[in-house]
Protein backbone atom coordinates (compact mmCIF):
# COMPACT_ATOMS: atom_id res chain seq x y z
CA MET A 1 19.85 -118.89 -13.98
CA ARG A 2 19.49 -120.89 -10.82
CA PRO A 3 20.64 -124.51 -10.48
CA ILE A 4 17.84 -126.95 -9.76
CA ASN A 5 17.64 -130.71 -9.24
CA ALA A 6 16.28 -132.53 -12.28
CA PHE A 7 15.45 -136.04 -13.40
CA PRO A 8 16.02 -135.70 -17.17
CA TYR A 9 14.09 -137.32 -19.99
CA SER A 10 15.40 -138.50 -23.33
CA ASP A 11 14.82 -137.00 -26.74
CA PRO A 12 11.78 -138.28 -28.63
CA ASP A 13 12.11 -141.32 -30.87
CA PRO A 14 12.98 -139.85 -34.31
CA ILE A 15 10.90 -142.48 -36.13
CA THR A 16 7.18 -141.80 -35.91
CA GLU A 17 4.80 -144.70 -35.69
CA PRO A 18 1.52 -144.64 -37.58
CA GLY A 19 -1.41 -144.29 -35.24
CA ILE A 20 -3.24 -141.73 -33.17
CA THR A 21 -0.10 -139.69 -32.36
CA TYR A 22 1.09 -139.36 -35.98
CA PRO A 23 2.82 -137.01 -37.03
CA TYR A 24 4.14 -136.45 -33.49
CA PHE A 25 6.93 -138.36 -31.78
CA ARG A 26 6.66 -140.23 -28.47
CA SER A 27 8.91 -139.37 -25.54
CA ASP A 28 9.18 -142.57 -23.52
CA GLY A 29 12.60 -142.38 -21.92
CA HIS A 30 13.30 -140.89 -18.51
CA SER A 31 16.02 -141.28 -15.93
CA ASN A 32 16.11 -142.21 -12.25
CA ARG A 33 19.40 -140.37 -11.79
CA LEU A 34 19.31 -136.91 -10.22
CA LEU A 35 21.25 -134.17 -12.04
CA LEU A 36 21.84 -130.49 -11.35
CA ALA A 37 20.47 -128.38 -14.21
CA ASP A 38 20.90 -124.65 -14.86
CA LEU A 39 17.61 -123.36 -16.23
CA LYS A 40 16.68 -119.84 -17.29
CA MET A 41 14.03 -118.09 -15.23
CA ILE A 42 11.69 -115.23 -16.00
CA GLU A 43 10.43 -113.39 -12.92
CA PRO A 44 7.48 -111.12 -13.76
CA GLU A 45 5.96 -109.25 -10.84
CA ASN A 46 3.60 -106.44 -10.01
CA GLY A 47 2.46 -104.86 -6.74
CA TYR A 48 0.51 -107.98 -5.74
CA LYS A 49 2.11 -111.12 -7.19
CA ARG A 50 5.57 -112.45 -8.03
CA LEU A 51 6.05 -115.41 -10.39
CA VAL A 52 8.99 -117.54 -11.46
CA VAL A 53 8.50 -119.09 -14.90
CA LYS A 54 10.81 -121.69 -16.47
CA PRO A 55 10.71 -121.16 -20.27
CA GLU A 56 13.07 -124.06 -21.06
CA ILE A 57 10.62 -126.64 -19.68
CA GLY A 58 7.55 -125.38 -21.51
CA GLY A 59 6.90 -122.11 -19.70
CA LYS A 60 5.78 -123.77 -16.49
CA ILE A 61 5.10 -121.59 -13.46
CA TRP A 62 7.65 -122.73 -10.92
CA GLU A 63 6.89 -120.40 -8.01
CA ALA A 64 4.11 -117.90 -7.28
CA TYR A 65 3.93 -115.58 -4.28
CA GLU A 66 1.30 -113.26 -2.87
CA LYS A 67 3.45 -110.23 -2.03
CA SER A 68 1.12 -108.62 0.54
CA LYS A 69 1.30 -111.72 2.76
CA ASP A 70 4.64 -113.06 1.49
CA TYR A 71 2.88 -116.37 1.04
CA PRO A 72 3.45 -118.87 -1.80
CA PHE A 73 0.22 -119.90 -3.54
CA VAL A 74 1.85 -122.29 -6.01
CA PHE A 75 3.90 -125.05 -4.40
CA MET A 76 7.56 -125.06 -5.43
CA THR A 77 9.22 -128.46 -5.51
CA LYS A 78 12.93 -128.91 -4.94
CA ALA A 79 13.33 -131.03 -8.11
CA PHE A 80 11.37 -131.61 -11.29
CA LYS A 81 10.67 -135.04 -12.66
CA PHE A 82 8.82 -135.52 -15.94
CA ARG A 83 6.79 -138.63 -16.64
CA ASP A 84 4.84 -139.97 -19.59
CA ILE A 85 1.42 -138.65 -18.61
CA ALA A 86 0.23 -137.70 -22.08
CA LEU A 87 0.84 -139.53 -25.34
CA ARG A 88 3.49 -137.04 -26.36
CA GLY A 89 5.55 -137.07 -23.17
CA PRO A 90 6.68 -134.12 -21.04
């Protein structure tokens, strides 16, 4: 685990509304307050690439490095901030 800055989001509304998202819940709440979160990491690597995957936030690739050049090819942010991009939230 490595602590990381996070802007948390709320749990989905437990009451579903009839419509195009039924039977899924909407996640509309998010915070503007920065928190420090401890998230699990999985770090698979081979002779060419090294990844850091965050399984607790949906298995997102957090970092990716080309080992031969020691160069990151996926940008790593210093904080994660979810927003309501899709109908079902983060």
